[in-house]
Amino acid sequence: TLLPSLASSSSSSSSKSSSSSRTYHQCSCALVVFAAFLRGRGHHHRYRRRPSQTAATNASSSSSLSSSFRFRRSNKTRRGSQNDSSSSSSTNSSMLVNDDVDDPTIRPTAEEAISWAFQHGLVVASGKETAGQVFHAPVALYPTPFPKDVFEFAKEITPKFAELYDKVSEDDAFMRETLREAALSDPEFTGRLWKIYEACGKRGNGRLDKELGILRTDYMLDTRSGMPLQVEVNTVSTSFMGLGSKVTLLHQHLAEYTKGNIDDDMKLKKENMPTNDSLNQAAKTLCEGWKCMECENASILMVVQEGETNIFDQRLISQKVFETIGVKTIRKTLREINESGRLDLKTNLFSIDGQLCSVIYFRAGYSPSDFPSEAQWEAKMLLEKSSSLKSPSVAMHLAGSKKIQQALAEEGVLEKFMPNDATEMRKVFAGLYSFEGEKNMQKTIQLGLSNPADYVLKPQREGGGNNLYGKELKEKLENDTKDLPAYILMQRIFPPSHQVTMLRKGLAHEIESLSELGIYGSYLRKGDVNSNTARVMNEHGGSLLRTKAASSDEGGVAAGYAVLDSPYLV
């Protein structure tokens, strides 16, 4: 059943609340049916509210959600598979170092998953200190159930946010007014990016009439509203398009691999696993950007971090680009760019090691840690001064700031940029509050302190490990308010929790977890941002589900807080 808030925006708030509650109960029942299947596979999903949440879910729903199911083993066996506990628990033949999973039937499936991951490039590097060593990527053993209607709505609405943020990035007056306090309160990062924007990144002062974007909009299913509420829009250095698509393939493989060992009514169905074309879409975006630059002898520059562990996710994209248009991708850090990069005298394209680069794809530069010295800032300035097409430009990078996200939620602001789509887009907005101005400062501080568990404090940062929750949020609001204008206060989203088997570095363990849905966007604009014909590409670019421990407030996979997952639509 389509959630009421998705189907209509005209009903009263009271009817919305009642209808949304009924629909959430319907969705919950559907998820419980799927949980029966997963219970039989050692993937014991229990959809329930987190302890910090109020008891808004009705008693009948709570009762159904806490139901338990027995594992039913089929008499059918797969030829060559290890089905008995004695053979599956052998440590000599196991690819798993250790596990705390009680169900012995999990081990052979986990071993198959790890083997498949190594065979198909679902891997991450161990780091620069142990070059050449790899691990399988951290993954969920089985896909996680997610309401189909919610998924489809998020998929449909996401391309509109790519258009929105491009329009914002072109509005110098709005950017200047909105980011002024953030730049002053965060001079070492947001302030430095703003100086680059001022020097060469705005329209009429160095910015191209083109914008290229591989974006990702992140959502969480909110149990209170039944809506996919927007966590953030990532305009720079989105990751896991390569590995995320392979996780979907892994889960589809495991559906086939295990189906002979369970009853028919407990099987995973491939039709419930949405096609994930994120790898192809990321490569397609870079290819289209390269083509529109019309420089046949140029390469693509990928700006990467020192000691990058997510190198294979990046190289999968580079390989797909090469297979598609025969163009090589040059990988360089900001330090290397500062040492060897220059601007070509004839074309003003960026050049390094004698090779022109017509497209610059940033997989670094989104965090202060990427700029340990002036050398990295000089490299960033050099890249932005070039006439190469950036993904993203510094203007688009700044447009993805949390402060911009908060400002767009204010009354009438979104409508200014997206008059025809604002109503639908607002359905995914969570509560967002500013600290700018003395009146706003005190009002927002009081709101956050009224119930710290219901809010999160977010700085102008990308990547995991930056947000403040609970006790840390309370301490910040009470004792350290000097740089609060560089933060926003956001309504905390409470998704359903569930038990999931996670695989990380050869270890299998079951934990209570939460999931965050990311929808990628493939975007290319050539010409006036307000022209309907300027957007050469604005497409849904695949999806990513990240599943983390329910006890962890952060959700970054690369930062070590979560595992890669895929949705199972119900």
Protein backbone atom coordinates (compact mmCIF):
# COMPACT_ATOMS: atom_id res chain seq x y z
CA THR A 1 0.00 0.00 0.00
CA LEU A 2 1.37 3.40 -0.95
CA LEU A 3 2.03 5.50 2.11
CA PRO A 4 -0.66 8.19 2.48
CA SER A 5 1.87 11.01 2.55
CA LEU A 6 3.18 9.81 -0.81
CA ALA A 7 -0.23 9.34 -2.36
CA SER A 8 -1.74 12.68 -1.39
CA SER A 9 -0.69 15.96 0.15
CA SER A 10 -4.19 17.38 0.55
CA SER A 11 -5.48 15.46 3.60
CA SER A 12 -5.50 17.00 7.05
CA SER A 13 -2.65 16.41 9.45
CA SER A 14 -4.82 14.30 11.73
CA SER A 15 -5.99 12.02 8.95
CA LYS A 16 -2.43 11.79 7.69
CA SER A 17 -1.25 10.67 11.10
CA SER A 18 -3.94 8.03 11.45
CA SER A 19 -3.57 6.75 7.90
CA SER A 20 0.21 6.74 8.09
CA SER A 21 0.04 4.68 11.27
CA ARG A 22 -2.26 2.14 9.61
CA THR A 23 -0.03 1.94 6.57
CA TYR A 24 3.12 1.55 8.65
CA HIS A 25 1.38 -1.36 10.38
CA GLN A 26 0.62 -2.88 6.95
CA CYS A 27 4.24 -2.43 5.88
CA SER A 28 5.35 -3.91 9.19
CA CYS A 29 3.26 -7.01 8.63
CA ALA A 30 4.80 -7.46 5.19
CA LEU A 31 8.25 -7.15 6.72
CA VAL A 32 7.38 -9.72 9.38
CA VAL A 33 6.46 -12.22 6.66
CA PHE A 34 9.87 -11.69 5.16
CA ALA A 35 11.40 -11.97 8.62
CA ALA A 36 10.01 -15.51 8.77
CA PHE A 37 12.13 -16.37 5.79
CA LEU A 38 15.19 -14.67 7.21
CA ARG A 39 14.73 -16.34 10.59
CA GLY A 40 15.26 -19.59 8.77
CA ARG A 41 18.52 -18.33 7.33
CA GLY A 42 20.22 -17.01 10.41
CA HIS A 43 19.22 -13.47 9.43
CA HIS A 44 16.83 -12.83 12.29
CA HIS A 45 15.09 -9.57 11.48
CA ARG A 46 12.99 -8.14 14.28
CA TYR A 47 11.42 -4.89 13.22
CA ARG A 48 10.95 -2.77 16.30
CA ARG A 49 11.39 0.71 17.60
CA ARG A 50 14.70 1.69 19.14
CA PRO A 51 14.65 1.94 22.97
CA SER A 52 14.96 5.75 22.88
CA GLN A 53 11.78 6.11 20.86
CA THR A 54 8.34 6.77 22.24
CA ALA A 55 5.72 4.04 22.19
CA ALA A 56 3.93 5.44 19.17
CA THR A 57 3.51 2.07 17.49
CA ASN A 58 0.22 0.46 18.49
CA ALA A 59 0.07 -2.70 20.58
CA SER A 60 -1.04 -4.99 17.79
CA SER A 61 1.82 -3.85 15.59
CA SER A 62 4.33 -4.32 18.42
CA SER A 63 3.01 -7.80 19.04
CA SER A 64 3.33 -8.82 15.41
CA LEU A 65 6.77 -7.33 15.08
CA SER A 66 8.15 -9.28 18.01
CA SER A 67 6.87 -12.63 16.79
CA SER A 68 9.49 -15.35 16.51
CA PHE A 69 9.79 -18.00 13.83
CA ARG A 70 11.37 -21.42 13.81
CA PHE A 71 13.91 -22.41 11.20
CA ARG A 72 12.52 -25.10 8.92
CA ARG A 73 15.14 -27.21 7.20
CA SER A 74 14.33 -28.86 3.91
CA ASN A 75 15.13 -32.50 3.25
CA LYS A 76 16.46 -31.40 -0.11
CA THR A 77 20.22 -30.97 -0.27
CA ARG A 78 22.50 -29.21 -2.71
CA ARG A 79 25.04 -31.47 -4.37
CA GLY A 80 28.48 -30.80 -2.94
CA SER A 81 27.22 -28.44 -0.22
CA GLN A 82 28.14 -28.74 3.45
CA ASN A 83 24.85 -29.02 5.28
CA ASP A 84 25.67 -30.83 8.51
CA SER A 85 27.05 -28.90 11.46
CA SER A 86 30.06 -31.16 11.88
CA SER A 87 31.45 -30.46 8.41
CA SER A 88 30.56 -26.75 8.45
CA SER A 89 32.31 -26.14 11.76
CA SER A 90 35.67 -27.47 10.64
CA THR A 91 38.21 -24.73 11.30
CA ASN A 92 40.80 -26.27 8.97
CA SER A 93 38.73 -25.73 5.83
CA SER A 94 36.93 -22.58 6.91
CA MET A 95 37.55 -19.22 5.27
CA LEU A 96 36.15 -17.58 8.40
CA VAL A 97 38.64 -16.69 11.10
CA ASN A 98 36.00 -16.74 13.82
CA ASP A 99 32.31 -16.22 14.36
CA ASP A 100 29.73 -15.82 17.09
CA VAL A 101 26.79 -17.09 15.05
CA ASP A 102 24.83 -19.78 16.86
CA ASP A 103 23.25 -21.34 13.76
CA PRO A 104 25.83 -23.73 12.18
CA THR A 105 24.05 -23.49 8.82
CA ILE A 106 25.29 -19.92 8.50
CA ARG A 107 28.95 -20.91 8.12
CA PRO A 108 28.84 -22.53 4.64
CA THR A 109 26.79 -19.63 3.28
CA ALA A 110 29.17 -17.10 4.82
CA GLU A 111 32.13 -18.97 3.34
CA GLU A 112 30.47 -18.94 -0.07
CA ALA A 113 29.84 -15.19 0.26
CA ILE A 114 33.47 -14.47 1.15
CA SER A 115 34.72 -16.67 -1.68
CA TRP A 116 32.38 -14.95 -4.17
CA ALA A 117 33.55 -11.54 -2.97
CA PHE A 118 37.21 -12.32 -3.68
CA GLN A 119 36.38 -13.88 -7.04
CA HIS A 120 34.34 -10.89 -8.23
CA GLY A 121 36.27 -7.90 -6.89
CA LEU A 122 34.06 -7.12 -3.91
CA VAL A 123 37.19 -6.20 -1.96
CA VAL A 124 38.94 -3.34 -0.19
CA ALA A 125 42.65 -2.68 0.28
CA SER A 126 44.29 -2.97 3.69
CA GLY A 127 46.08 0.39 3.48
CA LYS A 128 49.41 1.81 2.38
CA GLU A 129 51.40 0.20 5.21
CA THR A 130 50.54 -3.29 3.90
CA ALA A 131 50.41 -2.70 0.15
CA GLY A 132 49.08 -5.59 -1.92
CA GLN A 133 46.88 -7.05 0.82
CA VAL A 134 43.11 -7.03 0.45
CA PHE A 135 40.05 -8.00 2.45
CA HIS A 136 36.57 -8.81 1.28
CA ALA A 137 34.38 -5.72 1.62
CA PRO A 138 32.25 -5.55 4.78
CA VAL A 139 28.83 -6.87 3.76
CA ALA A 140 25.51 -8.08 5.11
CA LEU A 141 25.08 -11.80 4.45
CA TYR A 142 21.52 -11.37 3.14
CA PRO A 143 19.59 -8.38 1.76
CA THR A 144 17.56 -6.30 4.17
CA PRO A 145 13.80 -5.89 3.67
CA PHE A 146 12.67 -2.43 2.65
CA PRO A 147 9.17 -1.21 1.66
CA LYS A 148 8.87 -1.19 -2.12
CA ASP A 149 6.68 1.93 -2.30
CA VAL A 150 9.12 3.90 -0.18
CA PHE A 151 12.04 2.75 -2.33
CA GLU A 152 10.26 3.68 -5.56
CA PHE A 153 9.32 7.12 -4.25
CA ALA A 154 12.93 7.84 -3.19
CA LYS A 155 14.13 6.65 -6.59
CA GLU A 156 11.65 8.89 -8.40
CA ILE A 157 12.28 12.06 -6.37
CA THR A 158 16.09 11.93 -6.21
CA PRO A 159 16.92 13.35 -9.69
CA LYS A 160 15.02 16.50 -8.74
CA PHE A 161 17.57 17.15 -6.00
CA ALA A 162 20.42 17.06 -8.51
CA GLU A 163 18.69 19.81 -10.48
CA LEU A 164 17.97 21.72 -7.27
CA TYR A 165 21.53 21.74 -6.00
CA ASP A 166 22.89 22.74 -9.41
CA LYS A 167 20.51 25.71 -9.43
CA VAL A 168 21.58 26.63 -5.90
CA SER A 169 25.24 26.47 -6.90
CA GLU A 170 24.57 29.04 -9.64
CA ASP A 171 22.82 31.50 -7.30
CA ASP A 172 25.74 33.52 -5.95
CA ALA A 173 23.60 35.80 -3.76
CA PHE A 174 21.88 32.85 -2.05
CA MET A 175 25.16 30.96 -1.57
CA ARG A 176 26.84 34.07 -0.16
CA GLU A 177 24.06 34.83 2.31
CA THR A 178 23.57 31.22 3.40
CA LEU A 179 27.22 30.23 3.85
CA ARG A 180 28.55 33.50 5.29
CA GLU A 181 28.38 32.46 8.95
CA ALA A 182 29.52 28.90 8.22
CA ALA A 183 32.60 30.18 6.39
CA LEU A 184 33.45 32.54 9.26
CA SER A 185 32.89 29.88 11.94
CA ASP A 186 34.81 27.20 10.02
CA PRO A 187 37.65 29.19 8.42
CA GLU A 188 40.02 26.25 7.96
CA PHE A 189 37.74 24.26 5.69
CA THR A 190 34.45 25.83 4.59
CA GLY A 191 36.18 29.22 4.64
CA ARG A 192 39.03 27.97 2.45
CA LEU A 193 36.64 26.40 -0.04
CA TRP A 194 34.74 29.69 -0.15
CA LYS A 195 37.93 31.60 -0.98
CA ILE A 196 38.53 29.26 -3.92
CA TYR A 197 34.93 29.79 -5.03
CA GLU A 198 35.44 33.55 -4.85
CA ALA A 199 38.69 33.35 -6.79
CA CYS A 200 37.63 31.15 -9.69
CA GLY A 201 34.51 29.13 -8.99
CA LYS A 202 31.51 31.35 -9.62
CA ARG A 203 29.75 32.24 -12.86
CA GLY A 204 31.54 34.99 -14.73
CA ASN A 205 34.73 34.36 -12.80
CA GLY A 206 36.09 31.07 -14.11
CA ARG A 207 33.21 28.61 -13.76
CA LEU A 208 32.31 26.64 -16.88
CA ASP A 209 28.80 26.62 -18.32
CA LYS A 210 28.75 22.90 -17.55
CA GLU A 211 28.27 20.82 -14.40
CA LEU A 212 28.98 17.11 -13.96
CA GLY A 213 27.74 15.19 -10.96
CA ILE A 214 27.75 11.69 -9.49
CA LEU A 215 25.57 12.44 -6.49
CA ARG A 216 23.94 10.37 -3.78
CA THR A 217 20.91 11.32 -1.71
CA ASP A 218 20.65 9.38 1.56
CA TYR A 219 17.37 8.50 3.24
CA MET A 220 16.21 6.65 6.32
CA LEU A 221 12.78 5.08 6.69
CA ASP A 222 11.24 6.95 9.63
CA THR A 223 8.92 4.79 11.70
CA ARG A 224 7.13 7.81 13.13
CA SER A 225 6.04 9.22 9.77
CA GLY A 226 6.37 6.18 7.51
CA MET A 227 8.38 8.36 5.11
CA PRO A 228 11.88 8.09 3.64
CA LEU A 229 13.32 11.17 5.33
CA GLN A 230 16.36 12.76 3.74
CA VAL A 231 19.58 12.51 5.72
CA GLU A 232 21.69 14.54 3.29
CA VAL A 233 22.57 15.15 -0.35
CA ASN A 234 26.16 14.22 -1.16
CA THR A 235 27.47 16.33 -4.04
CA VAL A 236 31.17 15.40 -3.73
CA SER A 237 33.11 12.15 -3.58
CA THR A 238 30.19 9.74 -3.38
CA SER A 239 31.45 6.18 -3.06
CA PHE A 240 30.52 2.51 -3.45
CA MET A 241 28.93 2.70 -6.90
CA GLY A 242 31.24 -0.15 -7.92
CA LEU A 243 31.10 -2.31 -4.80
CA GLY A 244 27.43 -1.53 -4.16
CA SER A 245 26.40 -3.01 -7.50
CA LYS A 246 28.41 -6.13 -6.69
CA VAL A 247 26.68 -6.56 -3.32
CA THR A 248 23.39 -6.80 -5.19
CA LEU A 249 24.92 -9.49 -7.44
CA LEU A 250 26.26 -11.30 -4.38
CA HIS A 251 22.83 -11.43 -2.77
CA GLN A 252 21.28 -12.63 -6.02
CA HIS A 253 23.93 -15.35 -6.20
CA LEU A 254 23.27 -16.46 -2.62
CA ALA A 255 19.55 -16.68 -3.41
CA GLU A 256 20.40 -19.30 -6.04
CA TYR A 257 23.13 -20.96 -4.01
CA THR A 258 20.96 -21.63 -0.96
CA LYS A 259 17.57 -22.34 -2.51
CA GLY A 260 18.05 -26.10 -2.52
CA ASN A 261 18.43 -26.19 1.25
CA ILE A 262 15.17 -24.61 2.36
CA ASP A 263 11.46 -24.93 1.78
CA ASP A 264 9.94 -23.15 -1.21
CA ASP A 265 7.98 -20.64 0.89
CA MET A 266 11.18 -19.48 2.58
CA LYS A 267 13.26 -18.72 -0.51
CA LEU A 268 14.70 -15.39 -1.52
CA LYS A 269 13.06 -14.15 -4.70
CA LYS A 270 15.25 -12.36 -7.23
CA GLU A 271 12.34 -10.27 -8.41
CA ASN A 272 12.34 -8.61 -4.97
CA MET A 273 15.94 -7.48 -5.46
CA PRO A 274 15.97 -4.32 -7.60
CA THR A 275 18.49 -4.11 -10.41
CA ASN A 276 21.42 -1.98 -9.30
CA ASP A 277 23.16 -0.28 -12.19
CA SER A 278 25.26 2.10 -10.07
CA LEU A 279 28.62 1.00 -11.52
CA ASN A 280 27.49 1.40 -15.14
CA GLN A 281 25.77 4.69 -14.37
CA ALA A 282 28.85 6.18 -12.67
CA ALA A 283 30.98 5.23 -15.66
CA LYS A 284 28.34 6.52 -18.07
CA THR A 285 28.33 9.89 -16.30
CA LEU A 286 32.09 10.30 -16.66
CA CYS A 287 31.95 9.15 -20.28
CA GLU A 288 29.26 11.69 -21.15
CA GLY A 289 31.24 14.41 -19.40
CA TRP A 290 34.37 13.49 -21.35
CA LYS A 291 32.46 13.51 -24.65
CA CYS A 292 30.96 16.94 -24.06
CA MET A 293 34.46 18.41 -23.58
CA GLU A 294 35.33 17.40 -27.16
CA CYS A 295 39.02 16.78 -26.52
CA GLU A 296 39.82 13.35 -27.96
CA ASN A 297 43.42 13.14 -26.72
CA ALA A 298 42.52 13.93 -23.09
CA SER A 299 42.29 11.57 -20.12
CA ILE A 300 40.19 11.67 -16.94
CA LEU A 301 41.83 12.66 -13.66
CA MET A 302 40.62 10.96 -10.49
CA VAL A 303 41.70 12.85 -7.36
CA VAL A 304 42.25 10.28 -4.62
CA GLN A 305 43.28 10.17 -0.97
CA GLU A 306 46.66 9.10 0.34
CA GLY A 307 46.58 5.43 1.37
CA GLU A 308 43.12 4.90 -0.14
CA THR A 309 41.56 1.58 0.99
CA ASN A 310 38.48 1.86 -1.23
CA ILE A 311 40.64 1.72 -4.34
CA PHE A 312 38.81 -1.15 -6.04
CA ASP A 313 35.46 0.64 -5.91
CA GLN A 314 37.20 3.47 -7.79
CA ARG A 315 39.09 1.24 -10.21
CA LEU A 316 35.94 -0.61 -11.18
CA ILE A 317 34.60 2.70 -12.48
CA SER A 318 37.87 3.49 -14.27
CA GLN A 319 37.85 0.07 -15.91
CA LYS A 320 34.25 0.46 -17.05
CA VAL A 321 35.08 3.87 -18.56
CA PHE A 322 38.03 2.37 -20.42
CA GLU A 323 35.91 -0.51 -21.71
CA THR A 324 33.24 1.95 -22.89
CA ILE A 325 35.19 4.75 -24.61
CA GLY A 326 38.84 3.63 -24.41
CA VAL A 327 39.87 6.54 -22.17
CA LYS A 328 42.32 6.01 -19.32
CA THR A 329 41.88 7.40 -15.83
CA ILE A 330 44.90 8.96 -14.13
CA ARG A 331 44.94 8.60 -10.34
CA LYS A 332 46.68 11.36 -8.37
CA THR A 333 46.61 12.69 -4.81
CA LEU A 334 46.42 16.40 -4.07
CA ARG A 335 50.08 16.25 -3.01
CA GLU A 336 51.09 14.74 -6.36
CA ILE A 337 48.97 17.28 -8.21
CA ASN A 338 50.75 20.10 -6.41
CA GLU A 339 54.13 18.61 -7.28
CA SER A 340 53.57 17.84 -10.97
CA GLY A 341 50.34 19.44 -12.19
CA ARG A 342 49.99 22.53 -14.37
CA LEU A 343 47.56 24.30 -16.67
CA ASP A 344 48.02 23.80 -20.40
CA LEU A 345 48.91 27.11 -22.05
CA LYS A 346 46.73 26.51 -25.13
CA THR A 347 43.58 25.01 -23.66
CA ASN A 348 43.82 25.87 -19.93
CA LEU A 349 42.97 22.22 -19.28
CA PHE A 350 44.69 20.58 -16.34
CA SER A 351 47.78 18.60 -17.34
CA ILE A 352 49.98 16.21 -15.40
CA ASP A 353 52.89 14.05 -16.54
CA GLY A 354 52.40 15.41 -20.05
CA GLN A 355 48.77 14.25 -20.26
CA LEU A 356 45.80 16.57 -20.66
CA CYS A 357 42.78 15.84 -18.45
CA SER A 358 39.46 17.22 -19.69
CA VAL A 359 37.47 15.78 -16.75
CA ILE A 360 38.43 15.94 -13.06
CA TYR A 361 36.61 13.49 -10.78
CA PHE A 362 37.02 14.16 -7.06
CA ARG A 363 37.19 11.17 -4.72
CA ALA A 364 39.09 13.30 -2.20
CA GLY A 365 38.97 16.84 -0.89
CA TYR A 366 35.74 16.52 1.11
CA SER A 367 37.36 16.49 4.56
CA PRO A 368 39.85 18.74 6.40
CA SER A 369 42.10 15.69 6.78
CA ASP A 370 42.62 15.78 3.00
CA PHE A 371 44.40 19.15 3.43
CA PRO A 372 47.25 18.59 5.93
CA SER A 373 49.33 21.42 4.41
CA GLU A 374 49.19 24.38 2.05
CA ALA A 375 50.36 22.08 -0.76
CA GLN A 376 46.94 20.39 -0.92
CA TRP A 377 45.08 23.73 -0.93
CA GLU A 378 47.32 24.98 -3.73
CA ALA A 379 46.48 21.84 -5.71
CA LYS A 380 42.77 22.38 -5.16
CA MET A 381 43.05 25.97 -6.36
CA LEU A 382 44.98 24.86 -9.46
CA LEU A 383 42.32 22.30 -10.37
CA GLU A 384 39.49 24.79 -9.96
CA LYS A 385 41.31 27.38 -12.09
CA SER A 386 41.53 24.92 -14.96
CA SER A 387 38.99 24.74 -17.79
CA SER A 388 38.57 21.01 -17.20
CA LEU A 389 35.07 19.80 -16.31
CA LYS A 390 34.93 19.09 -12.59
CA SER A 391 32.79 16.52 -10.82
CA PRO A 392 31.88 18.47 -8.85
CA SER A 393 32.85 22.12 -9.23
CA VAL A 394 33.72 23.91 -5.99
CA ALA A 395 30.36 25.70 -6.26
CA MET A 396 28.49 22.39 -6.38
CA HIS A 397 30.67 21.09 -3.54
CA LEU A 398 29.66 24.06 -1.37
CA ALA A 399 26.02 23.72 -2.41
CA GLY A 400 26.03 20.31 -0.74
CA SER A 401 26.79 21.88 2.66
CA LYS A 402 24.51 21.06 5.58
CA LYS A 403 23.75 24.76 5.96
CA ILE A 404 22.35 24.88 2.43
CA GLN A 405 20.23 21.82 3.21
CA GLN A 406 18.83 23.58 6.26
CA ALA A 407 18.15 26.82 4.40
CA LEU A 408 16.24 24.99 1.66
CA ALA A 409 13.86 23.64 4.30
CA GLU A 410 12.80 27.15 5.32
CA GLU A 411 9.44 28.39 4.15
CA GLY A 412 9.40 29.52 0.53
CA VAL A 413 13.05 28.81 -0.24
CA LEU A 414 12.66 25.47 -2.00
CA GLU A 415 9.71 26.89 -3.91
CA LYS A 416 11.95 29.63 -5.33
CA PHE A 417 14.24 27.09 -7.00
CA MET A 418 11.79 24.27 -7.79
CA PRO A 419 8.29 25.79 -8.04
CA ASN A 420 6.75 22.81 -9.84
CA ASP A 421 8.24 20.07 -7.66
CA ALA A 422 8.56 21.61 -4.20
CA THR A 423 5.46 19.94 -2.73
CA GLU A 424 6.65 16.43 -3.53
CA MET A 425 10.25 17.19 -2.53
CA ARG A 426 9.25 18.56 0.87
CA LYS A 427 7.72 15.21 1.80
CA VAL A 428 11.20 13.84 2.48
CA PHE A 429 12.46 16.81 4.54
CA ALA A 430 13.27 16.19 8.18
CA GLY A 431 13.19 19.06 10.68
CA LEU A 432 16.25 21.32 10.16
CA TYR A 433 17.19 24.28 12.36
CA SER A 434 19.73 27.11 12.10
CA PHE A 435 22.01 28.69 14.74
CA GLU A 436 22.54 31.90 12.81
CA GLY A 437 21.54 35.12 14.58
CA GLU A 438 21.15 35.51 18.33
CA LYS A 439 17.40 34.84 18.28
CA ASN A 440 17.78 31.66 16.22
CA MET A 441 20.77 30.59 18.32
CA GLN A 442 18.87 30.61 21.60
CA LYS A 443 15.73 29.10 20.10
CA THR A 444 17.60 26.22 18.47
CA ILE A 445 19.75 25.56 21.56
CA GLN A 446 16.61 25.32 23.71
CA LEU A 447 15.02 22.98 21.18
CA GLY A 448 18.05 20.67 21.17
CA LEU A 449 18.34 20.65 24.96
CA SER A 450 14.62 19.95 25.41
CA ASN A 451 15.23 16.36 24.29
CA PRO A 452 18.79 15.69 23.05
CA ALA A 453 17.90 12.13 22.02
CA ASP A 454 15.56 13.49 19.33
CA TYR A 455 18.20 15.54 17.50
CA VAL A 456 21.61 15.36 15.86
CA LEU A 457 24.16 18.19 15.54
CA LYS A 458 25.79 18.25 12.09
CA PRO A 459 28.85 20.24 10.94
CA GLN A 460 29.78 21.14 7.34
CA ARG A 461 31.54 17.82 6.77
CA GLU A 462 31.26 14.71 4.60
CA GLY A 463 32.18 11.17 5.65
CA GLY A 464 31.48 9.40 8.95
CA GLY A 465 32.46 10.39 12.46
CA ASN A 466 31.55 14.09 12.48
CA ASN A 467 28.05 14.32 13.98
CA LEU A 468 27.20 14.83 17.65
CA TYR A 469 24.47 12.90 19.44
CA GLY A 470 23.02 12.57 22.93
CA LYS A 471 25.50 13.48 25.65
CA GLU A 472 28.01 15.06 23.25
CA LEU A 473 25.27 17.15 21.65
CA LYS A 474 24.09 18.32 25.09
CA GLU A 475 27.62 19.26 26.18
CA LYS A 476 28.20 21.20 22.95
CA LEU A 477 24.96 23.16 23.26
CA GLU A 478 25.56 23.94 26.94
CA ASN A 479 29.27 24.75 27.00
CA ASP A 480 30.74 25.41 23.55
CA THR A 481 28.54 27.66 21.42
CA LYS A 482 31.17 29.80 19.71
CA ASP A 483 31.21 27.89 16.40
CA LEU A 484 27.58 26.71 16.39
CA PRO A 485 26.77 28.74 13.23
CA ALA A 486 28.93 26.18 11.40
CA TYR A 487 26.46 23.46 12.48
CA ILE A 488 22.81 22.68 11.91
CA LEU A 489 20.43 20.92 14.28
CA MET A 490 18.50 18.13 12.59
CA GLN A 491 15.53 16.06 13.65
CA ARG A 492 16.76 12.56 14.42
CA ILE A 493 15.29 9.86 12.21
CA PHE A 494 14.24 6.60 13.85
CA PRO A 495 14.33 3.69 11.37
CA PRO A 496 13.19 0.14 12.20
CA SER A 497 15.86 -2.09 13.74
CA HIS A 498 16.58 -5.71 12.87
CA GLN A 499 19.06 -8.50 13.49
CA VAL A 500 21.49 -9.09 10.65
CA THR A 501 24.52 -11.31 10.03
CA MET A 502 27.49 -9.15 9.10
CA LEU A 503 30.74 -10.25 7.49
CA ARG A 504 33.85 -8.17 8.10
CA LYS A 505 37.46 -9.32 7.60
CA GLY A 506 36.53 -12.98 7.79
CA LEU A 507 34.39 -12.59 10.90
CA ALA A 508 30.69 -13.39 10.96
CA HIS A 509 28.56 -11.97 13.73
CA GLU A 510 24.94 -11.06 14.35
CA ILE A 511 23.98 -7.63 15.62
CA GLU A 512 20.93 -5.45 15.93
CA SER A 513 21.15 -2.96 13.09
CA LEU A 514 19.66 -0.01 11.24
CA SER A 515 19.79 0.74 7.51
CA GLU A 516 20.22 3.87 5.39
CA LEU A 517 19.20 3.97 1.73
CA GLY A 518 21.30 5.90 -0.77
CA ILE A 519 19.99 6.72 -4.24
CA TYR A 520 22.63 7.78 -6.77
CA GLY A 521 22.13 10.42 -9.40
CA SER A 522 23.85 10.80 -12.79
CA TYR A 523 23.88 14.46 -13.81
CA LEU A 524 25.27 16.51 -16.68
CA ARG A 525 24.28 20.04 -17.54
CA LYS A 526 25.60 21.98 -20.53
CA GLY A 527 24.44 25.56 -20.83
CA ASP A 528 22.16 27.81 -18.78
CA VAL A 529 21.06 26.10 -15.58
CA ASN A 530 17.53 27.50 -15.95
CA SER A 531 17.07 26.09 -19.44
CA ASN A 532 15.07 22.88 -19.65
CA THR A 533 17.24 21.72 -22.55
CA ALA A 534 20.54 22.23 -20.70
CA ARG A 535 20.32 19.02 -18.69
CA VAL A 536 21.91 16.46 -20.97
CA MET A 537 21.60 13.79 -18.27
CA ASN A 538 19.64 13.64 -15.01
CA GLU A 539 18.95 10.03 -14.18
CA HIS A 540 18.50 7.66 -11.30
CA GLY A 541 21.94 6.11 -10.89
CA GLY A 542 21.39 2.97 -8.83
CA SER A 543 21.17 2.44 -5.08
CA LEU A 544 23.14 1.55 -1.98
CA LEU A 545 21.96 0.23 1.36
CA ARG A 546 24.31 0.73 4.30
CA THR A 547 23.56 -1.24 7.42
CA LYS A 548 25.14 -0.37 10.75
CA ALA A 549 24.95 -1.47 14.36
CA ALA A 550 21.92 0.02 16.10
CA SER A 551 24.27 1.10 18.87
CA SER A 552 26.32 3.19 16.39
CA ASP A 553 25.17 6.71 15.63
CA GLU A 554 27.45 7.07 12.58
CA GLY A 555 26.93 5.22 9.32
CA GLY A 556 30.00 5.40 7.09
CA VAL A 557 31.24 2.11 5.60
CA ALA A 558 34.71 3.43 4.77
CA ALA A 559 34.93 4.93 8.26
CA GLY A 560 34.25 1.49 9.76
CA TYR A 561 30.74 2.06 11.11
CA ALA A 562 28.65 0.04 8.66
CA VAL A 563 28.54 -2.73 6.04
CA LEU A 564 27.38 -2.76 2.44
CA ASP A 565 23.92 -4.17 1.91
CA SER A 566 21.11 -4.25 -0.65
CA PRO A 567 17.33 -3.81 -0.30
CA TYR A 568 14.84 -6.66 -0.52
CA LEU A 569 11.62 -4.98 -1.60
CA VAL A 570 8.44 -6.01 0.20
